[in-house]
């Protein structure tokens, strides 16, 4: 019985962390796959159209990935612009904003040069 309780607590903690971050992978099976088996970037022209010209370049320079979750920008809707310590960055969703702000030192290496 003790092992079951420990397993249940571990599962609950994991679920809470996942829910707190707010990110989840939303793979679209209708997206074509490349010859390497990877799906194409969801950072499409439609998603980019919602960003300013300057922000499009920044999102592309960020190599299309959220520095917090590692998810492709655009996979959860338009990327969210965040300014931390004078640097602009994009995250995949609003759930990643606080994590980026609170732990910027951990993620700043993943961002393009200022």
PDB file of N, CA and C in Angstrom:
ATOM      1  N   UNK A   1       0.824  -1.195   0.000  1.00  0.00           N
ATOM      2  CA  UNK A   1       0.000   0.000   0.000  1.00  0.00           C
ATOM      3  C   UNK A   1       0.866   1.256   0.000  1.00  0.00           C
ATOM      4  N   UNK A   2       2.003   1.212   0.681  1.00  0.00           N
ATOM      5  CA  UNK A   2       2.885   2.365   0.751  1.00  0.00           C
ATOM      6  C   UNK A   2       3.406   2.708  -0.633  1.00  0.00           C
ATOM      7  N   UNK A   3       3.773   1.694  -1.424  1.00  0.00           N
ATOM      8  CA  UNK A   3       4.283   1.930  -2.759  1.00  0.00           C
ATOM      9  C   UNK A   3       3.228   2.596  -3.629  1.00  0.00           C
ATOM     10  N   UNK A   4       1.987   2.197  -3.480  1.00  0.00           N
ATOM     11  CA  UNK A   4       0.908   2.800  -4.264  1.00  0.00           C
ATOM     12  C   UNK A   4       0.753   4.271  -3.910  1.00  0.00           C
ATOM     13  N   UNK A   5       0.829   4.620  -2.626  1.00  0.00           N
ATOM     14  CA  UNK A   5       0.702   6.016  -2.198  1.00  0.00           C
ATOM     15  C   UNK A   5       1.849   6.846  -2.751  1.00  0.00           C
ATOM     16  N   UNK A   6       3.065   6.315  -2.714  1.00  0.00           N
ATOM     17  CA  UNK A   6       4.222   7.052  -3.240  1.00  0.00           C
ATOM     18  C   UNK A   6       4.061   7.274  -4.732  1.00  0.00           C
ATOM     19  N   UNK A   7       3.605   6.254  -5.434  1.00  0.00           N
ATOM     20  CA  UNK A   7       3.398   6.373  -6.882  1.00  0.00           C
ATOM     21  C   UNK A   7       2.322   7.422  -7.172  1.00  0.00           C
ATOM     22  N   UNK A   8       1.249   7.405  -6.405  1.00  0.00           N
ATOM     23  CA  UNK A   8       0.162   8.357  -6.595  1.00  0.00           C
ATOM     24  C   UNK A   8       0.643   9.777  -6.324  1.00  0.00           C
ATOM     25  N   UNK A   9       1.416   9.986  -5.266  1.00  0.00           N
ATOM     26  CA  UNK A   9       1.932  11.316  -4.942  1.00  0.00           C
ATOM     27  C   UNK A   9       2.873  11.797  -6.045  1.00  0.00           C
ATOM     28  N   UNK A  10       3.728  10.912  -6.537  1.00  0.00           N
ATOM     29  CA  UNK A  10       4.644  11.279  -7.614  1.00  0.00           C
ATOM     30  C   UNK A  10       3.866  11.685  -8.852  1.00  0.00           C
ATOM     31  N   UNK A  11       2.847  10.930  -9.182  1.00  0.00           N
ATOM     32  CA  UNK A  11       2.015  11.257 -10.337  1.00  0.00           C
ATOM     33  C   UNK A  11       1.296  12.581 -10.171  1.00  0.00           C
ATOM     34  N   UNK A  12       0.821  12.847  -8.969  1.00  0.00           N
ATOM     35  CA  UNK A  12       0.113  14.101  -8.715  1.00  0.00           C
ATOM     36  C   UNK A  12       1.068  15.287  -8.813  1.00  0.00           C
ATOM     37  N   UNK A  13       2.273  15.138  -8.298  1.00  0.00           N
ATOM     38  CA  UNK A  13       3.254  16.216  -8.374  1.00  0.00           C
ATOM     39  C   UNK A  13       3.614  16.477  -9.835  1.00  0.00           C
ATOM     40  N   UNK A  14       3.835  15.423 -10.598  1.00  0.00           N
ATOM     41  CA  UNK A  14       4.151  15.574 -12.020  1.00  0.00           C
ATOM     42  C   UNK A  14       3.021  16.266 -12.768  1.00  0.00           C
ATOM     43  N   UNK A  15       1.802  15.877 -12.496  1.00  0.00           N
ATOM     44  CA  UNK A  15       0.657  16.498 -13.159  1.00  0.00           C
ATOM     45  C   UNK A  15       0.534  17.966 -12.781  1.00  0.00           C
ATOM     46  N   UNK A  16       0.804  18.276 -11.527  1.00  0.00           N
ATOM     47  CA  UNK A  16       0.739  19.667 -11.077  1.00  0.00           C
ATOM     48  C   UNK A  16       1.800  20.512 -11.768  1.00  0.00           C
ATOM     49  N   UNK A  17       3.025  20.001 -11.870  1.00  0.00           N
ATOM     50  CA  UNK A  17       4.085  20.739 -12.561  1.00  0.00           C
ATOM     51  C   UNK A  17       3.726  20.969 -14.013  1.00  0.00           C
ATOM     52  N   UNK A  18       3.207  19.942 -14.663  1.00  0.00           N
ATOM     53  CA  UNK A  18       2.837  20.057 -16.078  1.00  0.00           C
ATOM     54  C   UNK A  18       1.744  21.095 -16.256  1.00  0.00           C
ATOM     55  N   UNK A  19       0.753  21.072 -15.379  1.00  0.00           N
ATOM     56  CA  UNK A  19      -0.355  22.025 -15.468  1.00  0.00           C
ATOM     57  C   UNK A  19       0.112  23.439 -15.166  1.00  0.00           C
ATOM     58  N   UNK A  20       1.065  23.576 -14.246  1.00  0.00           N
ATOM     59  CA  UNK A  20       1.569  24.890 -13.876  1.00  0.00           C
ATOM     60  C   UNK A  20       2.286  25.551 -15.039  1.00  0.00           C
ATOM     61  N   UNK A  21       3.090  24.786 -15.761  1.00  0.00           N
ATOM     62  CA  UNK A  21       3.808  25.358 -16.890  1.00  0.00           C
ATOM     63  C   UNK A  21       2.869  25.735 -18.019  1.00  0.00           C
ATOM     64  N   UNK A  22       1.777  25.032 -18.142  1.00  0.00           N
ATOM     65  CA  UNK A  22       0.770  25.412 -19.125  1.00  0.00           C
ATOM     66  C   UNK A  22       1.055  24.976 -20.544  1.00  0.00           C
ATOM     67  N   UNK A  23       2.152  24.306 -20.766  1.00  0.00           N
ATOM     68  CA  UNK A  23       2.500  23.901 -22.123  1.00  0.00           C
ATOM     69  C   UNK A  23       2.144  22.446 -22.331  1.00  0.00           C
ATOM     70  N   UNK A  24       1.671  22.187 -23.492  1.00  0.00           N
ATOM     71  CA  UNK A  24       1.431  20.806 -23.871  1.00  0.00           C
ATOM     72  C   UNK A  24       1.693  20.690 -25.356  1.00  0.00           C
ATOM     73  N   UNK A  25       2.183  19.568 -25.740  1.00  0.00           N
ATOM     74  CA  UNK A  25       2.467  19.353 -27.153  1.00  0.00           C
ATOM     75  C   UNK A  25       1.151  19.153 -27.885  1.00  0.00           C
ATOM     76  N   UNK A  26       0.963  19.914 -28.934  1.00  0.00           N
ATOM     77  CA  UNK A  26      -0.248  19.789 -29.735  1.00  0.00           C
ATOM     78  C   UNK A  26       0.174  19.431 -31.148  1.00  0.00           C
ATOM     79  N   UNK A  27       0.490  18.179 -31.343  1.00  0.00           N
ATOM     80  CA  UNK A  27       0.928  17.727 -32.638  1.00  0.00           C
ATOM     81  C   UNK A  27      -0.271  17.582 -33.551  1.00  0.00           C
ATOM     82  N   UNK A  28      -0.158  18.126 -34.730  1.00  0.00           N
ATOM     83  CA  UNK A  28      -1.233  18.057 -35.701  1.00  0.00           C
ATOM     84  C   UNK A  28      -0.903  16.966 -36.706  1.00  0.00           C
ATOM     85  N   UNK A  29      -1.614  15.841 -36.651  1.00  0.00           N
ATOM     86  CA  UNK A  29      -1.306  14.742 -37.555  1.00  0.00           C
ATOM     87  C   UNK A  29      -1.538  15.095 -39.021  1.00  0.00           C
ATOM     88  N   UNK A  30      -2.232  16.174 -39.301  1.00  0.00           N
ATOM     89  CA  UNK A  30      -2.471  16.560 -40.691  1.00  0.00           C
ATOM     90  C   UNK A  30      -1.281  17.289 -41.294  1.00  0.00           C
ATOM     91  N   UNK A  31      -0.292  17.689 -40.439  1.00  0.00           N
ATOM     92  CA  UNK A  31       0.878  18.374 -40.965  1.00  0.00           C
ATOM     93  C   UNK A  31       1.778  17.378 -41.675  1.00  0.00           C
ATOM     94  N   UNK A  32       2.321  17.787 -42.828  1.00  0.00           N
ATOM     95  CA  UNK A  32       3.194  16.875 -43.554  1.00  0.00           C
ATOM     96  C   UNK A  32       4.495  16.653 -42.805  1.00  0.00           C
ATOM     97  N   UNK A  33       5.077  15.467 -42.998  1.00  0.00           N
ATOM     98  CA  UNK A  33       6.355  15.165 -42.396  1.00  0.00           C
ATOM     99  C   UNK A  33       7.449  15.323 -43.426  1.00  0.00           C
ATOM    100  N   UNK A  34       8.628  15.737 -42.949  1.00  0.00           N
ATOM    101  CA  UNK A  34       9.762  15.859 -43.851  1.00  0.00           C
ATOM    102  C   UNK A  34      10.349  14.475 -44.100  1.00  0.00           C
ATOM    103  N   UNK A  35      11.331  14.411 -44.959  1.00  0.00           N
ATOM    104  CA  UNK A  35      11.948  13.129 -45.277  1.00  0.00           C
ATOM    105  C   UNK A  35      12.677  12.541 -44.078  1.00  0.00           C
ATOM    106  N   UNK A  36      12.997  13.362 -43.074  1.00  0.00           N
ATOM    107  CA  UNK A  36      13.660  12.863 -41.874  1.00  0.00           C
ATOM    108  C   UNK A  36      12.656  12.386 -40.835  1.00  0.00           C
ATOM    109  N   UNK A  37      11.371  12.557 -41.110  1.00  0.00           N
ATOM    110  CA  UNK A  37      10.334  12.115 -40.185  1.00  0.00           C
ATOM    111  C   UNK A  37       9.858  13.208 -39.256  1.00  0.00           C
ATOM    112  N   UNK A  38      10.510  14.357 -39.239  1.00  0.00           N
ATOM    113  CA  UNK A  38      10.097  15.458 -38.369  1.00  0.00           C
ATOM    114  C   UNK A  38       8.997  16.260 -39.043  1.00  0.00           C
ATOM    115  N   UNK A  39       8.077  16.772 -38.243  1.00  0.00           N
ATOM    116  CA  UNK A  39       7.023  17.592 -38.821  1.00  0.00           C
ATOM    117  C   UNK A  39       7.573  18.972 -39.121  1.00  0.00           C
ATOM    118  N   UNK A  40       6.973  19.637 -40.070  1.00  0.00           N
ATOM    119  CA  UNK A  40       7.403  20.984 -40.420  1.00  0.00           C
ATOM    120  C   UNK A  40       7.049  21.941 -39.300  1.00  0.00           C
ATOM    121  N   UNK A  41       7.764  23.048 -39.250  1.00  0.00           N
ATOM    122  CA  UNK A  41       7.556  24.038 -38.200  1.00  0.00           C
ATOM    123  C   UNK A  41       6.155  24.622 -38.280  1.00  0.00           C
ATOM    124  N   UNK A  42       5.476  24.757 -37.135  1.00  0.00           N
ATOM    125  CA  UNK A  42       4.160  25.392 -37.119  1.00  0.00           C
ATOM    126  C   UNK A  42       4.250  26.916 -37.195  1.00  0.00           C
ATOM    127  N   UNK A  43       5.467  27.446 -37.307  1.00  0.00           N
ATOM    128  CA  UNK A  43       5.653  28.887 -37.437  1.00  0.00           C
ATOM    129  C   UNK A  43       5.379  29.252 -38.891  1.00  0.00           C
ATOM    130  N   UNK A  44       4.103  29.194 -39.263  1.00  0.00           N
ATOM    131  CA  UNK A  44       3.660  29.381 -40.635  1.00  0.00           C
ATOM    132  C   UNK A  44       3.474  30.855 -40.954  1.00  0.00           C
ATOM    133  N   UNK A  45       3.215  31.145 -42.224  1.00  0.00           N
ATOM    134  CA  UNK A  45       2.960  32.521 -42.641  1.00  0.00           C
ATOM    135  C   UNK A  45       1.761  33.110 -41.901  1.00  0.00           C
ATOM    136  N   UNK A  46       0.740  32.297 -41.643  1.00  0.00           N
ATOM    137  CA  UNK A  46      -0.440  32.781 -40.919  1.00  0.00           C
ATOM    138  C   UNK A  46      -0.076  33.212 -39.501  1.00  0.00           C
ATOM    139  N   UNK A  47       0.751  32.409 -38.835  1.00  0.00           N
ATOM    140  CA  UNK A  47       1.173  32.735 -37.474  1.00  0.00           C
ATOM    141  C   UNK A  47       2.076  33.959 -37.503  1.00  0.00           C
ATOM    142  N   UNK A  48       3.011  33.988 -38.431  1.00  0.00           N
ATOM    143  CA  UNK A  48       3.929  35.120 -38.534  1.00  0.00           C
ATOM    144  C   UNK A  48       3.213  36.416 -38.885  1.00  0.00           C
ATOM    145  N   UNK A  49       2.107  36.324 -39.619  1.00  0.00           N
ATOM    146  CA  UNK A  49       1.357  37.523 -40.017  1.00  0.00           C
ATOM    147  C   UNK A  49       0.835  38.287 -38.811  1.00  0.00           C
ATOM    148  N   UNK A  50       0.676  37.607 -37.685  1.00  0.00           N
ATOM    149  CA  UNK A  50       0.187  38.277 -36.482  1.00  0.00           C
ATOM    150  C   UNK A  50       1.297  39.053 -35.768  1.00  0.00           C
ATOM    151  N   UNK A  51       2.539  38.924 -36.249  1.00  0.00           N
ATOM    152  CA  UNK A  51       3.679  39.596 -35.627  1.00  0.00           C
ATOM    153  C   UNK A  51       4.156  40.756 -36.491  1.00  0.00           C
ATOM    154  N   UNK A  52       4.800  41.728 -35.873  1.00  0.00           N
ATOM    155  CA  UNK A  52       5.384  42.833 -36.633  1.00  0.00           C
ATOM    156  C   UNK A  52       6.580  42.310 -37.430  1.00  0.00           C
ATOM    157  N   UNK A  53       7.020  43.109 -38.403  1.00  0.00           N
ATOM    158  CA  UNK A  53       8.162  42.722 -39.239  1.00  0.00           C
ATOM    159  C   UNK A  53       9.388  42.421 -38.364  1.00  0.00           C
ATOM    160  N   UNK A  54       9.652  43.291 -37.396  1.00  0.00           N
ATOM    161  CA  UNK A  54      10.797  43.109 -36.495  1.00  0.00           C
ATOM    162  C   UNK A  54      10.650  41.832 -35.672  1.00  0.00           C
ATOM    163  N   UNK A  55       9.430  41.577 -35.184  1.00  0.00           N
ATOM    164  CA  UNK A  55       9.194  40.390 -34.370  1.00  0.00           C
ATOM    165  C   UNK A  55       9.296  39.111 -35.191  1.00  0.00           C
ATOM    166  N   UNK A  56       8.937  39.160 -36.454  1.00  0.00           N
ATOM    167  CA  UNK A  56       9.086  37.984 -37.321  1.00  0.00           C
ATOM    168  C   UNK A  56      10.552  37.580 -37.401  1.00  0.00           C
ATOM    169  N   UNK A  57      11.420  38.588 -37.584  1.00  0.00           N
ATOM    170  CA  UNK A  57      12.853  38.307 -37.673  1.00  0.00           C
ATOM    171  C   UNK A  57      13.373  37.727 -36.364  1.00  0.00           C
ATOM    172  N   UNK A  58      12.917  38.266 -35.231  1.00  0.00           N
ATOM    173  CA  UNK A  58      13.344  37.766 -33.932  1.00  0.00           C
ATOM    174  C   UNK A  58      12.879  36.328 -33.719  1.00  0.00           C
ATOM    175  N   UNK A  59      11.634  36.049 -34.057  1.00  0.00           N
ATOM    176  CA  UNK A  59      11.107  34.689 -33.897  1.00  0.00           C
ATOM    177  C   UNK A  59      11.896  33.703 -34.760  1.00  0.00           C
ATOM    178  N   UNK A  60      12.236  34.110 -35.968  1.00  0.00           N
ATOM    179  CA  UNK A  60      13.018  33.249 -36.858  1.00  0.00           C
ATOM    180  C   UNK A  60      14.437  33.075 -36.314  1.00  0.00           C
ATOM    181  N   UNK A  61      15.032  34.156 -35.786  1.00  0.00           N
ATOM    182  CA  UNK A  61      16.381  34.076 -35.229  1.00  0.00           C
ATOM    183  C   UNK A  61      16.425  33.167 -34.011  1.00  0.00           C
ATOM    184  N   UNK A  62      15.307  33.068 -33.324  1.00  0.00           N
ATOM    185  CA  UNK A  62      15.211  32.208 -32.151  1.00  0.00           C
ATOM    186  C   UNK A  62      15.098  30.745 -32.580  1.00  0.00           C
ATOM    187  N   UNK A  63      15.227  30.501 -33.837  1.00  0.00           N
ATOM    188  CA  UNK A  63      15.200  29.181 -34.448  1.00  0.00           C
ATOM    189  C   UNK A  63      13.876  28.468 -34.245  1.00  0.00           C
ATOM    190  N   UNK A  64      12.837  29.258 -34.033  1.00  0.00           N
ATOM    191  CA  UNK A  64      11.492  28.706 -34.007  1.00  0.00           C
ATOM    192  C   UNK A  64      11.132  27.879 -32.801  1.00  0.00           C
ATOM    193  N   UNK A  65      11.967  27.902 -31.744  1.00  0.00           N
ATOM    194  CA  UNK A  65      11.677  27.096 -30.566  1.00  0.00           C
ATOM    195  C   UNK A  65      11.490  27.960 -29.327  1.00  0.00           C
ATOM    196  N   UNK A  66      10.595  27.540 -28.473  1.00  0.00           N
ATOM    197  CA  UNK A  66      10.398  28.192 -27.186  1.00  0.00           C
ATOM    198  C   UNK A  66      11.598  27.848 -26.303  1.00  0.00           C
ATOM    199  N   UNK A  67      12.252  28.843 -25.703  1.00  0.00           N
ATOM    200  CA  UNK A  67      13.407  28.543 -24.858  1.00  0.00           C
ATOM    201  C   UNK A  67      13.040  27.777 -23.590  1.00  0.00           C
ATOM    202  N   UNK A  68      11.802  27.877 -23.157  1.00  0.00           N
ATOM    203  CA  UNK A  68      11.368  27.221 -21.918  1.00  0.00           C
ATOM    204  C   UNK A  68      10.965  25.770 -22.170  1.00  0.00           C
ATOM    205  N   UNK A  69      10.025  25.559 -23.060  1.00  0.00           N
ATOM    206  CA  UNK A  69       9.483  24.215 -23.267  1.00  0.00           C
ATOM    207  C   UNK A  69      10.202  23.433 -24.354  1.00  0.00           C
ATOM    208  N   UNK A  70      10.869  24.154 -25.266  1.00  0.00           N
ATOM    209  CA  UNK A  70      11.486  23.488 -26.411  1.00  0.00           C
ATOM    210  C   UNK A  70      10.495  23.196 -27.520  1.00  0.00           C
ATOM    211  N   UNK A  71       9.240  23.575 -27.304  1.00  0.00           N
ATOM    212  CA  UNK A  71       8.196  23.358 -28.310  1.00  0.00           C
ATOM    213  C   UNK A  71       8.369  24.358 -29.449  1.00  0.00           C
ATOM    214  N   UNK A  72       7.972  23.988 -30.654  1.00  0.00           N
ATOM    215  CA  UNK A  72       8.054  24.930 -31.774  1.00  0.00           C
ATOM    216  C   UNK A  72       7.151  26.137 -31.554  1.00  0.00           C
ATOM    217  N   UNK A  73       7.693  27.327 -31.852  1.00  0.00           N
ATOM    218  CA  UNK A  73       6.866  28.534 -31.787  1.00  0.00           C
ATOM    219  C   UNK A  73       5.753  28.393 -32.806  1.00  0.00           C
ATOM    220  N   UNK A  74       4.552  28.738 -32.429  1.00  0.00           N
ATOM    221  CA  UNK A  74       3.402  28.616 -33.305  1.00  0.00           C
ATOM    222  C   UNK A  74       2.623  27.338 -33.069  1.00  0.00           C
ATOM    223  N   UNK A  75       3.161  26.409 -32.290  1.00  0.00           N
ATOM    224  CA  UNK A  75       2.460  25.143 -32.047  1.00  0.00           C
ATOM    225  C   UNK A  75       1.280  25.309 -31.107  1.00  0.00           C
ATOM    226  N   UNK A  76       1.234  26.429 -30.404  1.00  0.00           N
ATOM    227  CA  UNK A  76       0.142  26.674 -29.457  1.00  0.00           C
ATOM    228  C   UNK A  76      -0.507  28.023 -29.725  1.00  0.00           C
ATOM    229  N   UNK A  77      -0.506  28.409 -30.986  1.00  0.00           N
ATOM    230  CA  UNK A  77      -1.032  29.712 -31.366  1.00  0.00           C
ATOM    231  C   UNK A  77       0.115  30.674 -31.601  1.00  0.00           C
ATOM    232  N   UNK A  78      -0.210  31.946 -31.817  1.00  0.00           N
ATOM    233  CA  UNK A  78       0.851  32.925 -32.057  1.00  0.00           C
ATOM    234  C   UNK A  78       1.833  32.970 -30.886  1.00  0.00           C
ATOM    235  N   UNK A  79       3.138  33.056 -31.170  1.00  0.00           N
ATOM    236  CA  UNK A  79       4.124  33.148 -30.094  1.00  0.00           C
ATOM    237  C   UNK A  79       3.890  34.405 -29.256  1.00  0.00           C
ATOM    238  N   UNK A  80       4.273  34.358 -27.999  1.00  0.00           N
ATOM    239  CA  UNK A  80       4.078  35.452 -27.069  1.00  0.00           C
ATOM    240  C   UNK A  80       5.430  36.137 -26.839  1.00  0.00           C
ATOM    241  N   UNK A  81       5.477  37.446 -27.094  1.00  0.00           N
ATOM    242  CA  UNK A  81       6.713  38.204 -26.912  1.00  0.00           C
ATOM    243  C   UNK A  81       6.871  38.591 -25.445  1.00  0.00           C
ATOM    244  N   UNK A  82       8.079  38.393 -24.919  1.00  0.00           N
ATOM    245  CA  UNK A  82       8.394  38.699 -23.532  1.00  0.00           C
ATOM    246  C   UNK A  82       9.696  39.499 -23.511  1.00  0.00           C
ATOM    247  N   UNK A  83       9.765  40.540 -22.693  1.00  0.00           N
ATOM    248  CA  UNK A  83      10.998  41.295 -22.519  1.00  0.00           C
ATOM    249  C   UNK A  83      11.501  41.048 -21.103  1.00  0.00           C
ATOM    250  N   UNK A  84      12.716  40.527 -21.015  1.00  0.00           N
ATOM    251  CA  UNK A  84      13.326  40.227 -19.725  1.00  0.00           C
ATOM    252  C   UNK A  84      14.747  40.784 -19.740  1.00  0.00           C
ATOM    253  N   UNK A  85      15.084  41.540 -18.724  1.00  0.00           N
ATOM    254  CA  UNK A  85      16.414  42.148 -18.613  1.00  0.00           C
ATOM    255  C   UNK A  85      16.807  42.866 -19.900  1.00  0.00           C
ATOM    256  N   UNK A  86      15.843  43.554 -20.501  1.00  0.00           N
ATOM    257  CA  UNK A  86      16.099  44.327 -21.709  1.00  0.00           C
ATOM    258  C   UNK A  86      16.206  43.514 -22.984  1.00  0.00           C
ATOM    259  N   UNK A  87      15.968  42.226 -22.903  1.00  0.00           N
ATOM    260  CA  UNK A  87      16.043  41.369 -24.092  1.00  0.00           C
ATOM    261  C   UNK A  87      14.657  40.858 -24.461  1.00  0.00           C
ATOM    262  N   UNK A  88      14.373  40.894 -25.737  1.00  0.00           N
ATOM    263  CA  UNK A  88      13.097  40.371 -26.231  1.00  0.00           C
ATOM    264  C   UNK A  88      13.265  38.908 -26.602  1.00  0.00           C
ATOM    265  N   UNK A  89      12.232  38.151 -26.323  1.00  0.00           N
ATOM    266  CA  UNK A  89      12.215  36.731 -26.664  1.00  0.00           C
ATOM    267  C   UNK A  89      10.778  36.322 -26.920  1.00  0.00           C
ATOM    268  N   UNK A  90      10.614  35.185 -27.543  1.00  0.00           N
ATOM    269  CA  UNK A  90       9.290  34.618 -27.747  1.00  0.00           C
ATOM    270  C   UNK A  90       9.189  33.293 -27.024  1.00  0.00           C
ATOM    271  N   UNK A  91       8.006  33.041 -26.459  1.00  0.00           N
ATOM    272  CA  UNK A  91       7.690  31.758 -25.860  1.00  0.00           C
ATOM    273  C   UNK A  91       6.470  31.196 -26.575  1.00  0.00           C
ATOM    274  N   UNK A  92       6.261  29.904 -26.423  1.00  0.00           N
ATOM    275  CA  UNK A  92       5.196  29.244 -27.172  1.00  0.00           C
ATOM    276  C   UNK A  92       3.803  29.549 -26.628  1.00  0.00           C
ATOM    277  N   UNK A  93       3.724  29.870 -25.330  1.00  0.00           N
ATOM    278  CA  UNK A  93       2.405  30.105 -24.732  1.00  0.00           C
ATOM    279  C   UNK A  93       2.545  30.971 -23.487  1.00  0.00           C
ATOM    280  N   UNK A  94       1.448  31.457 -22.985  1.00  0.00           N
ATOM    281  CA  UNK A  94       1.459  32.315 -21.800  1.00  0.00           C
ATOM    282  C   UNK A  94       1.935  31.566 -20.566  1.00  0.00           C
ATOM    283  N   UNK A  95       1.805  30.243 -20.563  1.00  0.00           N
ATOM    284  CA  UNK A  95       2.263  29.441 -19.432  1.00  0.00           C
ATOM    285  C   UNK A  95       3.771  29.469 -19.257  1.00  0.00           C
ATOM    286  N   UNK A  96       4.515  29.871 -20.279  1.00  0.00           N
ATOM    287  CA  UNK A  96       5.981  29.910 -20.199  1.00  0.00           C
ATOM    288  C   UNK A  96       6.518  31.280 -19.789  1.00  0.00           C
ATOM    289  N   UNK A  97       5.670  32.294 -19.739  1.00  0.00           N
ATOM    290  CA  UNK A  97       6.134  33.655 -19.449  1.00  0.00           C
ATOM    291  C   UNK A  97       6.787  33.741 -18.070  1.00  0.00           C
ATOM    292  N   UNK A  98       6.094  33.324 -17.032  1.00  0.00           N
ATOM    293  CA  UNK A  98       6.628  33.440 -15.669  1.00  0.00           C
ATOM    294  C   UNK A  98       7.894  32.611 -15.503  1.00  0.00           C
ATOM    295  N   UNK A  99       7.925  31.430 -16.092  1.00  0.00           N
ATOM    296  CA  UNK A  99       9.119  30.587 -15.992  1.00  0.00           C
ATOM    297  C   UNK A  99      10.320  31.293 -16.611  1.00  0.00           C
ATOM    298  N   UNK A 100      10.147  31.919 -17.767  1.00  0.00           N
ATOM    299  CA  UNK A 100      11.233  32.646 -18.416  1.00  0.00           C
ATOM    300  C   UNK A 100      11.673  33.826 -17.557  1.00  0.00           C
ATOM    301  N   UNK A 101      10.715  34.585 -17.046  1.00  0.00           N
ATOM    302  CA  UNK A 101      11.048  35.758 -16.227  1.00  0.00           C
ATOM    303  C   UNK A 101      11.728  35.364 -14.916  1.00  0.00           C
ATOM    304  N   UNK A 102      11.223  34.329 -14.269  1.00  0.00           N
ATOM    305  CA  UNK A 102      11.736  33.935 -12.961  1.00  0.00           C
ATOM    306  C   UNK A 102      13.068  33.195 -13.025  1.00  0.00           C
ATOM    307  N   UNK A 103      13.378  32.603 -14.151  1.00  0.00           N
ATOM    308  CA  UNK A 103      14.597  31.806 -14.293  1.00  0.00           C
ATOM    309  C   UNK A 103      15.356  32.185 -15.558  1.00  0.00           C
ATOM    310  N   UNK A 104      15.452  33.460 -15.825  1.00  0.00           N
ATOM    311  CA  UNK A 104      16.029  33.943 -17.076  1.00  0.00           C
ATOM    312  C   UNK A 104      17.454  33.436 -17.307  1.00  0.00           C
ATOM    313  N   UNK A 105      18.262  33.389 -16.255  1.00  0.00           N
ATOM    314  CA  UNK A 105      19.652  32.938 -16.401  1.00  0.00           C
ATOM    315  C   UNK A 105      19.713  31.525 -16.994  1.00  0.00           C
ATOM    316  N   UNK A 106      18.743  30.712 -16.669  1.00  0.00           N
ATOM    317  CA  UNK A 106      18.689  29.327 -17.154  1.00  0.00           C
ATOM    318  C   UNK A 106      18.408  29.266 -18.655  1.00  0.00           C
ATOM    319  N   UNK A 107      17.679  30.238 -19.189  1.00  0.00           N
ATOM    320  CA  UNK A 107      17.222  30.178 -20.578  1.00  0.00           C
ATOM    321  C   UNK A 107      17.914  31.149 -21.531  1.00  0.00           C
ATOM    322  N   UNK A 108      18.626  32.147 -21.010  1.00  0.00           N
ATOM    323  CA  UNK A 108      19.151  33.185 -21.890  1.00  0.00           C
ATOM    324  C   UNK A 108      20.152  32.669 -22.926  1.00  0.00           C
ATOM    325  N   UNK A 109      20.828  31.568 -22.645  1.00  0.00           N
ATOM    326  CA  UNK A 109      21.761  30.988 -23.617  1.00  0.00           C
ATOM    327  C   UNK A 109      21.033  30.450 -24.852  1.00  0.00           C
ATOM    328  N   UNK A 110      19.760  30.167 -24.700  1.00  0.00           N
ATOM    329  CA  UNK A 110      18.966  29.630 -25.810  1.00  0.00           C
ATOM    330  C   UNK A 110      18.432  30.740 -26.721  1.00  0.00           C
ATOM    331  N   UNK A 111      18.655  31.993 -26.325  1.00  0.00           N
ATOM    332  CA  UNK A 111      18.123  33.125 -27.074  1.00  0.00           C
ATOM    333  C   UNK A 111      19.194  33.704 -27.985  1.00  0.00           C
ATOM    334  N   UNK A 112      18.763  34.339 -29.088  1.00  0.00           N
ATOM    335  CA  UNK A 112      19.738  34.988 -29.964  1.00  0.00           C
ATOM    336  C   UNK A 112      20.428  36.140 -29.220  1.00  0.00           C
ATOM    337  N   UNK A 113      21.603  36.500 -29.685  1.00  0.00           N
ATOM    338  CA  UNK A 113      22.346  37.599 -29.065  1.00  0.00           C
ATOM    339  C   UNK A 113      21.520  38.878 -29.079  1.00  0.00           C
ATOM    340  N   UNK A 114      21.688  39.674 -28.035  1.00  0.00           N
ATOM    341  CA  UNK A 114      20.947  40.944 -27.912  1.00  0.00           C
ATOM    342  C   UNK A 114      21.446  41.946 -28.929  1.00  0.00           C
TER     343      UNK A 114
END
